Amino acid sequence: SEKVNVFYFNNVKMWLDKATRAGLITRCTSAKSVGEENTTLWYGTMSFSMPIDTAFAVLYAIENYASNCYDVTASHKKDIESLNTLEEIFSYNIAKDYPQVLEFNV
């Protein structure tokens, strides 16, 4: 859902899927291993330059947020499967327990 799969980076609403996050972490690891201190991350046509350690912190925070959201969604699915009546189903709060959307200002 776009209500969960979202974060804000310098007030820009975006999302990075798992493969993109993994690729960016690999990019930063490679750059750091050859002594680079800064990197540029791209989102569509927008570029964001920052220290590699900052990029790591952002990417790891997004990965942790995504994992936590996945766990909440899985828990909701389990809970919903145990509901027996339409009243229980319609009253179930599918938005509960999700972590706060991340906001980064770099």
PDB file of N, CA and C in Angstrom:
ATOM      1  N   SER A   1       0.839  -1.189   0.000  1.00  0.00           N
ATOM      2  CA  SER A   1       0.000   0.000   0.000  1.00  0.00           C
ATOM      3  C   SER A   1       0.878   1.244   0.000  1.00  0.00           C
ATOM      4  N   GLU A   2       0.465   2.252  -0.698  1.00  0.00           N
ATOM      5  CA  GLU A   2       1.206   3.515  -0.701  1.00  0.00           C
ATOM      6  C   GLU A   2       1.151   4.219   0.647  1.00  0.00           C
ATOM      7  N   LYS A   3       0.239   3.794   1.512  1.00  0.00           N
ATOM      8  CA  LYS A   3       0.191   4.374   2.850  1.00  0.00           C
ATOM      9  C   LYS A   3       1.306   3.825   3.724  1.00  0.00           C
ATOM     10  N   VAL A   4       1.834   2.655   3.355  1.00  0.00           N
ATOM     11  CA  VAL A   4       2.902   2.017   4.121  1.00  0.00           C
ATOM     12  C   VAL A   4       4.214   2.069   3.346  1.00  0.00           C
ATOM     13  N   ASN A   5       4.190   1.732   2.082  1.00  0.00           N
ATOM     14  CA  ASN A   5       5.407   1.712   1.261  1.00  0.00           C
ATOM     15  C   ASN A   5       5.728   3.126   0.792  1.00  0.00           C
ATOM     16  N   VAL A   6       6.201   3.910   1.728  1.00  0.00           N
ATOM     17  CA  VAL A   6       6.512   5.311   1.444  1.00  0.00           C
ATOM     18  C   VAL A   6       7.487   5.823   2.502  1.00  0.00           C
ATOM     19  N   PHE A   7       8.311   6.769   2.101  1.00  0.00           N
ATOM     20  CA  PHE A   7       9.099   7.563   3.032  1.00  0.00           C
ATOM     21  C   PHE A   7       9.322   8.909   2.362  1.00  0.00           C
ATOM     22  N   TYR A   8       9.788   9.867   3.122  1.00  0.00           N
ATOM     23  CA  TYR A   8      10.054  11.206   2.585  1.00  0.00           C
ATOM     24  C   TYR A   8      11.541  11.492   2.721  1.00  0.00           C
ATOM     25  N   PHE A   9      12.132  11.912   1.609  1.00  0.00           N
ATOM     26  CA  PHE A   9      13.540  12.263   1.589  1.00  0.00           C
ATOM     27  C   PHE A   9      13.634  13.705   1.117  1.00  0.00           C
ATOM     28  N   ASN A  10      14.072  14.591   2.011  1.00  0.00           N
ATOM     29  CA  ASN A  10      14.088  16.030   1.706  1.00  0.00           C
ATOM     30  C   ASN A  10      12.731  16.484   1.161  1.00  0.00           C
ATOM     31  N   ASN A  11      11.674  16.025   1.827  1.00  0.00           N
ATOM     32  CA  ASN A  11      10.276  16.353   1.512  1.00  0.00           C
ATOM     33  C   ASN A  11       9.779  15.767   0.197  1.00  0.00           C
ATOM     34  N   VAL A  12      10.529  14.860  -0.413  1.00  0.00           N
ATOM     35  CA  VAL A  12      10.102  14.185  -1.636  1.00  0.00           C
ATOM     36  C   VAL A  12       9.547  12.824  -1.242  1.00  0.00           C
ATOM     37  N   LYS A  13       8.301  12.552  -1.621  1.00  0.00           N
ATOM     38  CA  LYS A  13       7.670  11.269  -1.334  1.00  0.00           C
ATOM     39  C   LYS A  13       8.224  10.230  -2.292  1.00  0.00           C
ATOM     40  N   MET A  14       8.686   9.089  -1.727  1.00  0.00           N
ATOM     41  CA  MET A  14       9.258   8.052  -2.585  1.00  0.00           C
ATOM     42  C   MET A  14       9.171   6.696  -1.912  1.00  0.00           C
ATOM     43  N   TRP A  15       9.555   5.668  -2.670  1.00  0.00           N
ATOM     44  CA  TRP A  15       9.701   4.310  -2.153  1.00  0.00           C
ATOM     45  C   TRP A  15      10.762   3.597  -2.971  1.00  0.00           C
ATOM     46  N   LEU A  16      11.532   2.755  -2.315  1.00  0.00           N
ATOM     47  CA  LEU A  16      12.540   1.925  -2.971  1.00  0.00           C
ATOM     48  C   LEU A  16      12.177   0.472  -2.694  1.00  0.00           C
ATOM     49  N   ASP A  17      11.981  -0.307  -3.742  1.00  0.00           N
ATOM     50  CA  ASP A  17      11.656  -1.716  -3.519  1.00  0.00           C
ATOM     51  C   ASP A  17      12.897  -2.452  -3.011  1.00  0.00           C
ATOM     52  N   LYS A  18      12.686  -3.692  -2.580  1.00  0.00           N
ATOM     53  CA  LYS A  18      13.756  -4.471  -1.950  1.00  0.00           C
ATOM     54  C   LYS A  18      14.979  -4.609  -2.855  1.00  0.00           C
ATOM     55  N   ALA A  19      14.762  -4.902  -4.130  1.00  0.00           N
ATOM     56  CA  ALA A  19      15.881  -5.067  -5.062  1.00  0.00           C
ATOM     57  C   ALA A  19      16.666  -3.767  -5.215  1.00  0.00           C
ATOM     58  N   THR A  20      15.970  -2.646  -5.273  1.00  0.00           N
ATOM     59  CA  THR A  20      16.641  -1.357  -5.401  1.00  0.00           C
ATOM     60  C   THR A  20      17.432  -1.039  -4.142  1.00  0.00           C
ATOM     61  N   ARG A  21      16.839  -1.298  -2.973  1.00  0.00           N
ATOM     62  CA  ARG A  21      17.568  -1.062  -1.720  1.00  0.00           C
ATOM     63  C   ARG A  21      18.841  -1.906  -1.679  1.00  0.00           C
ATOM     64  N   ALA A  22      18.736  -3.171  -2.048  1.00  0.00           N
ATOM     65  CA  ALA A  22      19.910  -4.060  -2.044  1.00  0.00           C
ATOM     66  C   ALA A  22      20.964  -3.557  -3.026  1.00  0.00           C
ATOM     67  N   GLY A  23      20.539  -3.122  -4.191  1.00  0.00           N
ATOM     68  CA  GLY A  23      21.477  -2.606  -5.184  1.00  0.00           C
ATOM     69  C   GLY A  23      22.182  -1.352  -4.708  1.00  0.00           C
ATOM     70  N   LEU A  24      21.461  -0.478  -4.045  1.00  0.00           N
ATOM     71  CA  LEU A  24      22.078   0.752  -3.536  1.00  0.00           C
ATOM     72  C   LEU A  24      23.055   0.453  -2.400  1.00  0.00           C
ATOM     73  N   ILE A  25      22.725  -0.507  -1.562  1.00  0.00           N
ATOM     74  CA  ILE A  25      23.646  -0.892  -0.498  1.00  0.00           C
ATOM     75  C   ILE A  25      24.931  -1.468  -1.111  1.00  0.00           C
ATOM     76  N   THR A  26      24.797  -2.278  -2.155  1.00  0.00           N
ATOM     77  CA  THR A  26      25.968  -2.813  -2.852  1.00  0.00           C
ATOM     78  C   THR A  26      26.786  -1.681  -3.462  1.00  0.00           C
ATOM     79  N   ARG A  27      26.105  -0.722  -4.071  1.00  0.00           N
ATOM     80  CA  ARG A  27      26.799   0.426  -4.671  1.00  0.00           C
ATOM     81  C   ARG A  27      27.609   1.165  -3.619  1.00  0.00           C
ATOM     82  N   CYS A  28      26.997   1.442  -2.479  1.00  0.00           N
ATOM     83  CA  CYS A  28      27.696   2.172  -1.422  1.00  0.00           C
ATOM     84  C   CYS A  28      28.854   1.364  -0.850  1.00  0.00           C
ATOM     85  N   THR A  29      28.654   0.072  -0.691  1.00  0.00           N
ATOM     86  CA  THR A  29      29.722  -0.804  -0.193  1.00  0.00           C
ATOM     87  C   THR A  29      30.914  -0.776  -1.148  1.00  0.00           C
ATOM     88  N   SER A  30      30.647  -0.873  -2.440  1.00  0.00           N
ATOM     89  CA  SER A  30      31.715  -0.838  -3.443  1.00  0.00           C
ATOM     90  C   SER A  30      32.454   0.490  -3.416  1.00  0.00           C
ATOM     91  N   ALA A  31      31.704   1.574  -3.362  1.00  0.00           N
ATOM     92  CA  ALA A  31      32.326   2.899  -3.357  1.00  0.00           C
ATOM     93  C   ALA A  31      33.200   3.087  -2.120  1.00  0.00           C
ATOM     94  N   LYS A  32      32.679   2.675  -0.979  1.00  0.00           N
ATOM     95  CA  LYS A  32      33.449   2.829   0.257  1.00  0.00           C
ATOM     96  C   LYS A  32      34.710   1.962   0.232  1.00  0.00           C
ATOM     97  N   SER A  33      34.617   0.772  -0.360  1.00  0.00           N
ATOM     98  CA  SER A  33      35.772  -0.144  -0.382  1.00  0.00           C
ATOM     99  C   SER A  33      36.931   0.396  -1.210  1.00  0.00           C
ATOM    100  N   VAL A  34      36.656   1.311  -2.128  1.00  0.00           N
ATOM    101  CA  VAL A  34      37.741   1.901  -2.922  1.00  0.00           C
ATOM    102  C   VAL A  34      38.097   3.304  -2.425  1.00  0.00           C
ATOM    103  N   GLY A  35      37.606   3.640  -1.225  1.00  0.00           N
ATOM    104  CA  GLY A  35      38.026   4.884  -0.591  1.00  0.00           C
ATOM    105  C   GLY A  35      37.159   6.101  -0.849  1.00  0.00           C
ATOM    106  N   GLU A  36      36.071   5.930  -1.563  1.00  0.00           N
ATOM    107  CA  GLU A  36      35.204   7.083  -1.787  1.00  0.00           C
ATOM    108  C   GLU A  36      34.471   7.443  -0.498  1.00  0.00           C
ATOM    109  N   GLU A  37      34.205   8.727  -0.328  1.00  0.00           N
ATOM    110  CA  GLU A  37      33.534   9.195   0.882  1.00  0.00           C
ATOM    111  C   GLU A  37      32.107   9.660   0.615  1.00  0.00           C
ATOM    112  N   ASN A  38      31.800   9.978  -0.629  1.00  0.00           N
ATOM    113  CA  ASN A  38      30.480  10.500  -0.982  1.00  0.00           C
ATOM    114  C   ASN A  38      29.877   9.672  -2.108  1.00  0.00           C
ATOM    115  N   THR A  39      28.555   9.739  -2.198  1.00  0.00           N
ATOM    116  CA  THR A  39      27.855   9.040  -3.275  1.00  0.00           C
ATOM    117  C   THR A  39      26.668   9.886  -3.713  1.00  0.00           C
ATOM    118  N   THR A  40      26.157   9.559  -4.866  1.00  0.00           N
ATOM    119  CA  THR A  40      24.943  10.182  -5.361  1.00  0.00           C
ATOM    120  C   THR A  40      23.920   9.084  -5.586  1.00  0.00           C
ATOM    121  N   LEU A  41      22.778   9.225  -4.958  1.00  0.00           N
ATOM    122  CA  LEU A  41      21.688   8.288  -5.144  1.00  0.00           C
ATOM    123  C   LEU A  41      20.642   8.933  -6.029  1.00  0.00           C
ATOM    124  N   TRP A  42      20.105   8.160  -6.940  1.00  0.00           N
ATOM    125  CA  TRP A  42      19.139   8.652  -7.912  1.00  0.00           C
ATOM    126  C   TRP A  42      17.758   8.092  -7.619  1.00  0.00           C
ATOM    127  N   TYR A  43      16.772   8.935  -7.800  1.00  0.00           N
ATOM    128  CA  TYR A  43      15.366   8.522  -7.737  1.00  0.00           C
ATOM    129  C   TYR A  43      14.697   9.134  -8.960  1.00  0.00           C
ATOM    130  N   GLY A  44      14.528   8.307  -9.985  1.00  0.00           N
ATOM    131  CA  GLY A  44      14.036   8.846 -11.256  1.00  0.00           C
ATOM    132  C   GLY A  44      15.054   9.814 -11.808  1.00  0.00           C
ATOM    133  N   THR A  45      14.653  11.055 -12.015  1.00  0.00           N
ATOM    134  CA  THR A  45      15.565  12.069 -12.545  1.00  0.00           C
ATOM    135  C   THR A  45      16.143  12.954 -11.448  1.00  0.00           C
ATOM    136  N   MET A  46      15.834  12.667 -10.201  1.00  0.00           N
ATOM    137  CA  MET A  46      16.342  13.469  -9.079  1.00  0.00           C
ATOM    138  C   MET A  46      17.587  12.805  -8.507  1.00  0.00           C
ATOM    139  N   SER A  47      18.596  13.609  -8.206  1.00  0.00           N
ATOM    140  CA  SER A  47      19.810  13.077  -7.600  1.00  0.00           C
ATOM    141  C   SER A  47      19.995  13.667  -6.206  1.00  0.00           C
ATOM    142  N   PHE A  48      20.552  12.847  -5.333  1.00  0.00           N
ATOM    143  CA  PHE A  48      20.785  13.249  -3.950  1.00  0.00           C
ATOM    144  C   PHE A  48      22.212  12.863  -3.589  1.00  0.00           C
ATOM    145  N   SER A  49      23.070  13.859  -3.394  1.00  0.00           N
ATOM    146  CA  SER A  49      24.466  13.615  -3.036  1.00  0.00           C
ATOM    147  C   SER A  49      24.610  13.673  -1.523  1.00  0.00           C
ATOM    148  N   MET A  50      25.415  12.739  -0.994  1.00  0.00           N
ATOM    149  CA  MET A  50      25.583  12.680   0.458  1.00  0.00           C
ATOM    150  C   MET A  50      26.806  11.842   0.792  1.00  0.00           C
ATOM    151  N   PRO A  51      27.281  11.930   2.037  1.00  0.00           N
ATOM    152  CA  PRO A  51      28.343  11.032   2.471  1.00  0.00           C
ATOM    153  C   PRO A  51      27.843   9.580   2.424  1.00  0.00           C
ATOM    154  N   ILE A  52      28.738   8.658   2.110  1.00  0.00           N
ATOM    155  CA  ILE A  52      28.361   7.247   2.009  1.00  0.00           C
ATOM    156  C   ILE A  52      27.797   6.740   3.336  1.00  0.00           C
ATOM    157  N   ASP A  53      28.382   7.156   4.452  1.00  0.00           N
ATOM    158  CA  ASP A  53      27.870   6.697   5.740  1.00  0.00           C
ATOM    159  C   ASP A  53      26.434   7.178   5.975  1.00  0.00           C
ATOM    160  N   THR A  54      26.092   8.348   5.487  1.00  0.00           N
ATOM    161  CA  THR A  54      24.716   8.836   5.579  1.00  0.00           C
ATOM    162  C   THR A  54      23.800   7.985   4.706  1.00  0.00           C
ATOM    163  N   ALA A  55      24.269   7.663   3.499  1.00  0.00           N
ATOM    164  CA  ALA A  55      23.479   6.810   2.601  1.00  0.00           C
ATOM    165  C   ALA A  55      23.211   5.457   3.247  1.00  0.00           C
ATOM    166  N   PHE A  56      24.246   4.872   3.874  1.00  0.00           N
ATOM    167  CA  PHE A  56      24.055   3.602   4.584  1.00  0.00           C
ATOM    168  C   PHE A  56      22.994   3.741   5.677  1.00  0.00           C
ATOM    169  N   ALA A  57      23.088   4.790   6.469  1.00  0.00           N
ATOM    170  CA  ALA A  57      22.138   4.993   7.565  1.00  0.00           C
ATOM    171  C   ALA A  57      20.709   5.089   7.037  1.00  0.00           C
ATOM    172  N   VAL A  58      20.529   5.826   5.950  1.00  0.00           N
ATOM    173  CA  VAL A  58      19.199   5.973   5.347  1.00  0.00           C
ATOM    174  C   VAL A  58      18.710   4.637   4.809  1.00  0.00           C
ATOM    175  N   LEU A  59      19.548   3.957   4.041  1.00  0.00           N
ATOM    176  CA  LEU A  59      19.140   2.680   3.435  1.00  0.00           C
ATOM    177  C   LEU A  59      18.837   1.622   4.486  1.00  0.00           C
ATOM    178  N   TYR A  60      19.638   1.545   5.539  1.00  0.00           N
ATOM    179  CA  TYR A  60      19.379   0.565   6.603  1.00  0.00           C
ATOM    180  C   TYR A  60      18.098   0.916   7.361  1.00  0.00           C
ATOM    181  N   ALA A  61      17.843   2.192   7.568  1.00  0.00           N
ATOM    182  CA  ALA A  61      16.602   2.598   8.236  1.00  0.00           C
ATOM    183  C   ALA A  61      15.387   2.220   7.392  1.00  0.00           C
ATOM    184  N   ILE A  62      15.488   2.408   6.070  1.00  0.00           N
ATOM    185  CA  ILE A  62      14.385   2.033   5.171  1.00  0.00           C
ATOM    186  C   ILE A  62      14.195   0.521   5.197  1.00  0.00           C
ATOM    187  N   GLU A  63      15.290  -0.229   5.165  1.00  0.00           N
ATOM    188  CA  GLU A  63      15.194  -1.691   5.200  1.00  0.00           C
ATOM    189  C   GLU A  63      14.541  -2.164   6.492  1.00  0.00           C
ATOM    190  N   ASN A  64      14.924  -1.567   7.611  1.00  0.00           N
ATOM    191  CA  ASN A  64      14.328  -1.930   8.893  1.00  0.00           C
ATOM    192  C   ASN A  64      12.837  -1.577   8.917  1.00  0.00           C
ATOM    193  N   TYR A  65      12.490  -0.402   8.428  1.00  0.00           N
ATOM    194  CA  TYR A  65      11.084   0.025   8.336  1.00  0.00           C
ATOM    195  C   TYR A  65      10.295  -0.962   7.474  1.00  0.00           C
ATOM    196  N   ALA A  66      10.828  -1.330   6.318  1.00  0.00           N
ATOM    197  CA  ALA A  66      10.137  -2.259   5.424  1.00  0.00           C
ATOM    198  C   ALA A  66       9.938  -3.614   6.091  1.00  0.00           C
ATOM    199  N   SER A  67      10.948  -4.090   6.807  1.00  0.00           N
ATOM    200  CA  SER A  67      10.832  -5.370   7.512  1.00  0.00           C
ATOM    201  C   SER A  67       9.760  -5.309   8.591  1.00  0.00           C
ATOM    202  N   ASN A  68       9.744  -4.214   9.344  1.00  0.00           N
ATOM    203  CA  ASN A  68       8.724  -4.054  10.385  1.00  0.00           C
ATOM    204  C   ASN A  68       7.323  -3.995   9.779  1.00  0.00           C
ATOM    205  N   CYS A  69       7.176  -3.294   8.656  1.00  0.00           N
ATOM    206  CA  CYS A  69       5.872  -3.229   7.982  1.00  0.00           C
ATOM    207  C   CYS A  69       5.452  -4.612   7.495  1.00  0.00           C
ATOM    208  N   TYR A  70       6.382  -5.365   6.967  1.00  0.00           N
ATOM    209  CA  TYR A  70       6.087  -6.724   6.510  1.00  0.00           C
ATOM    210  C   TYR A  70       5.574  -7.571   7.670  1.00  0.00           C
ATOM    211  N   ASP A  71       6.237  -7.468   8.818  1.00  0.00           N
ATOM    212  CA  ASP A  71       5.817  -8.241   9.983  1.00  0.00           C
ATOM    213  C   ASP A  71       4.398  -7.865  10.418  1.00  0.00           C
ATOM    214  N   VAL A  72       4.077  -6.584  10.403  1.00  0.00           N
ATOM    215  CA  VAL A  72       2.725  -6.143  10.781  1.00  0.00           C
ATOM    216  C   VAL A  72       1.704  -6.676   9.782  1.00  0.00           C
ATOM    217  N   THR A  73       2.010  -6.592   8.500  1.00  0.00           N
ATOM    218  CA  THR A  73       1.093  -7.101   7.476  1.00  0.00           C
ATOM    219  C   THR A  73       0.871  -8.598   7.648  1.00  0.00           C
ATOM    220  N   ALA A  74       1.929  -9.343   7.878  1.00  0.00           N
ATOM    221  CA  ALA A  74       1.795 -10.790   8.079  1.00  0.00           C
ATOM    222  C   ALA A  74       0.940 -11.087   9.300  1.00  0.00           C
ATOM    223  N   SER A  75       1.120 -10.309  10.347  1.00  0.00           N
ATOM    224  CA  SER A  75       0.325 -10.484  11.552  1.00  0.00           C
ATOM    225  C   SER A  75      -1.154 -10.195  11.282  1.00  0.00           C
ATOM    226  N   HIS A  76      -1.417  -9.139  10.520  1.00  0.00           N
ATOM    227  CA  HIS A  76      -2.803  -8.814  10.148  1.00  0.00           C
ATOM    228  C   HIS A  76      -3.431  -9.957   9.353  1.00  0.00           C
ATOM    229  N   LYS A  77      -2.695 -10.506   8.397  1.00  0.00           N
ATOM    230  CA  LYS A  77      -3.219 -11.618   7.593  1.00  0.00           C
ATOM    231  C   LYS A  77      -3.586 -12.799   8.479  1.00  0.00           C
ATOM    232  N   LYS A  78      -2.707 -13.115   9.431  1.00  0.00           N
ATOM    233  CA  LYS A  78      -2.970 -14.209  10.362  1.00  0.00           C
ATOM    234  C   LYS A  78      -4.224 -13.921  11.183  1.00  0.00           C
ATOM    235  N   ASP A  79      -4.330 -12.702  11.699  1.00  0.00           N
ATOM    236  CA  ASP A  79      -5.493 -12.327  12.508  1.00  0.00           C
ATOM    237  C   ASP A  79      -6.785 -12.396  11.710  1.00  0.00           C
ATOM    238  N   ILE A  80      -6.746 -11.902  10.481  1.00  0.00           N
ATOM    239  CA  ILE A  80      -7.954 -11.863   9.650  1.00  0.00           C
ATOM    240  C   ILE A  80      -8.436 -13.267   9.316  1.00  0.00           C
ATOM    241  N   GLU A  81      -7.494 -14.181   9.109  1.00  0.00           N
ATOM    242  CA  GLU A  81      -7.886 -15.567   8.811  1.00  0.00           C
ATOM    243  C   GLU A  81      -8.662 -16.215   9.952  1.00  0.00           C
ATOM    244  N   SER A  82      -8.478 -15.729  11.168  1.00  0.00           N
ATOM    245  CA  SER A  82      -9.173 -16.321  12.316  1.00  0.00           C
ATOM    246  C   SER A  82     -10.529 -15.688  12.584  1.00  0.00           C
ATOM    247  N   LEU A  83     -10.882 -14.638  11.839  1.00  0.00           N
ATOM    248  CA  LEU A  83     -12.173 -13.983  12.055  1.00  0.00           C
ATOM    249  C   LEU A  83     -13.285 -14.829  11.453  1.00  0.00           C
ATOM    250  N   ASN A  84     -14.441 -14.800  12.113  1.00  0.00           N
ATOM    251  CA  ASN A  84     -15.524 -15.686  11.710  1.00  0.00           C
ATOM    252  C   ASN A  84     -16.764 -14.989  11.169  1.00  0.00           C
ATOM    253  N   THR A  85     -16.951 -13.736  11.509  1.00  0.00           N
ATOM    254  CA  THR A  85     -18.181 -13.053  11.083  1.00  0.00           C
ATOM    255  C   THR A  85     -17.839 -11.822  10.251  1.00  0.00           C
ATOM    256  N   LEU A  86     -18.805 -11.384   9.459  1.00  0.00           N
ATOM    257  CA  LEU A  86     -18.611 -10.161   8.684  1.00  0.00           C
ATOM    258  C   LEU A  86     -18.394  -8.972   9.608  1.00  0.00           C
ATOM    259  N   GLU A  87     -19.068  -8.966  10.730  1.00  0.00           N
ATOM    260  CA  GLU A  87     -18.902  -7.869  11.686  1.00  0.00           C
ATOM    261  C   GLU A  87     -17.449  -7.796  12.174  1.00  0.00           C
ATOM    262  N   GLU A  88     -16.865  -8.948  12.485  1.00  0.00           N
ATOM    263  CA  GLU A  88     -15.462  -8.978  12.915  1.00  0.00           C
ATOM    264  C   GLU A  88     -14.534  -8.501  11.800  1.00  0.00           C
ATOM    265  N   ILE A  89     -14.813  -8.953  10.605  1.00  0.00           N
ATOM    266  CA  ILE A  89     -13.982  -8.578   9.460  1.00  0.00           C
ATOM    267  C   ILE A  89     -14.061  -7.077   9.194  1.00  0.00           C
ATOM    268  N   PHE A  90     -15.287  -6.531   9.149  1.00  0.00           N
ATOM    269  CA  PHE A  90     -15.447  -5.109   8.850  1.00  0.00           C
ATOM    270  C   PHE A  90     -14.948  -4.208   9.969  1.00  0.00           C
ATOM    271  N   SER A  91     -14.889  -4.710  11.178  1.00  0.00           N
ATOM    272  CA  SER A  91     -14.427  -3.878  12.293  1.00  0.00           C
ATOM    273  C   SER A  91     -12.921  -4.004  12.530  1.00  0.00           C
ATOM    274  N   TYR A  92     -12.263  -4.910  11.800  1.00  0.00           N
ATOM    275  CA  TYR A  92     -10.828  -5.097  11.988  1.00  0.00           C
ATOM    276  C   TYR A  92     -10.072  -3.872  11.492  1.00  0.00           C
ATOM    277  N   ASN A  93      -9.172  -3.370  12.299  1.00  0.00           N
ATOM    278  CA  ASN A  93      -8.388  -2.179  11.952  1.00  0.00           C
ATOM    279  C   ASN A  93      -7.093  -2.606  11.246  1.00  0.00           C
ATOM    280  N   ILE A  94      -7.117  -2.555   9.921  1.00  0.00           N
ATOM    281  CA  ILE A  94      -5.940  -2.992   9.156  1.00  0.00           C
ATOM    282  C   ILE A  94      -4.798  -1.981   9.198  1.00  0.00           C
ATOM    283  N   ALA A  95      -5.046  -0.795   9.742  1.00  0.00           N
ATOM    284  CA  ALA A  95      -4.005   0.229   9.798  1.00  0.00           C
ATOM    285  C   ALA A  95      -3.239   0.210  11.121  1.00  0.00           C
ATOM    286  N   LYS A  96      -3.663  -0.618  12.059  1.00  0.00           N
ATOM    287  CA  LYS A  96      -3.034  -0.585  13.392  1.00  0.00           C
ATOM    288  C   LYS A  96      -1.625  -1.183  13.361  1.00  0.00           C
ATOM    289  N   ASP A  97      -0.824  -0.689  14.257  1.00  0.00           N
ATOM    290  CA  ASP A  97       0.506  -1.217  14.574  1.00  0.00           C
ATOM    291  C   ASP A  97       1.610  -0.919  13.556  1.00  0.00           C
ATOM    292  N   TYR A  98       1.314  -0.235  12.463  1.00  0.00           N
ATOM    293  CA  TYR A  98       2.378   0.076  11.509  1.00  0.00           C
ATOM    294  C   TYR A  98       3.299   1.155  12.091  1.00  0.00           C
ATOM    295  N   PRO A  99       4.595   1.089  11.788  1.00  0.00           N
ATOM    296  CA  PRO A  99       5.510   2.125  12.273  1.00  0.00           C
ATOM    297  C   PRO A  99       5.246   3.453  11.573  1.00  0.00           C
ATOM    298  N   GLN A 100       5.705   4.511  12.203  1.00  0.00           N
ATOM    299  CA  GLN A 100       5.561   5.846  11.621  1.00  0.00           C
ATOM    300  C   GLN A 100       6.384   5.941  10.336  1.00  0.00           C
ATOM    301  N   VAL A 101       5.824   6.577   9.330  1.00  0.00           N
ATOM    302  CA  VAL A 101       6.509   6.771   8.051  1.00  0.00           C
ATOM    303  C   VAL A 101       7.802   7.556   8.300  1.00  0.00           C
ATOM    304  N   LEU A 102       8.868   7.116   7.648  1.00  0.00           N
ATOM    305  CA  LEU A 102      10.175   7.758   7.821  1.00  0.00           C
ATOM    306  C   LEU A 102      10.271   9.078   7.069  1.00  0.00           C
ATOM    307  N   GLU A 103      10.990  10.016   7.678  1.00  0.00           N
ATOM    308  CA  GLU A 103      11.276  11.303   7.040  1.00  0.00           C
ATOM    309  C   GLU A 103      12.753  11.596   7.233  1.00  0.00           C
ATOM    310  N   PHE A 104      13.443  11.823   6.128  1.00  0.00           N
ATOM    311  CA  PHE A 104      14.873  12.126   6.161  1.00  0.00           C
ATOM    312  C   PHE A 104      15.087  13.517   5.602  1.00  0.00           C
ATOM    313  N   ASN A 105      15.961  14.273   6.252  1.00  0.00           N
ATOM    314  CA  ASN A 105      16.381  15.581   5.744  1.00  0.00           C
ATOM    315  C   ASN A 105      17.901  15.578   5.730  1.00  0.00           C
ATOM    316  N   VAL A 106      18.450  15.431   4.534  1.00  0.00           N
ATOM    317  CA  VAL A 106      19.904  15.312   4.384  1.00  0.00           C
ATOM    318  C   VAL A 106      20.429  16.490   3.601  1.00  0.00           C
TER     319      VAL A 106
END
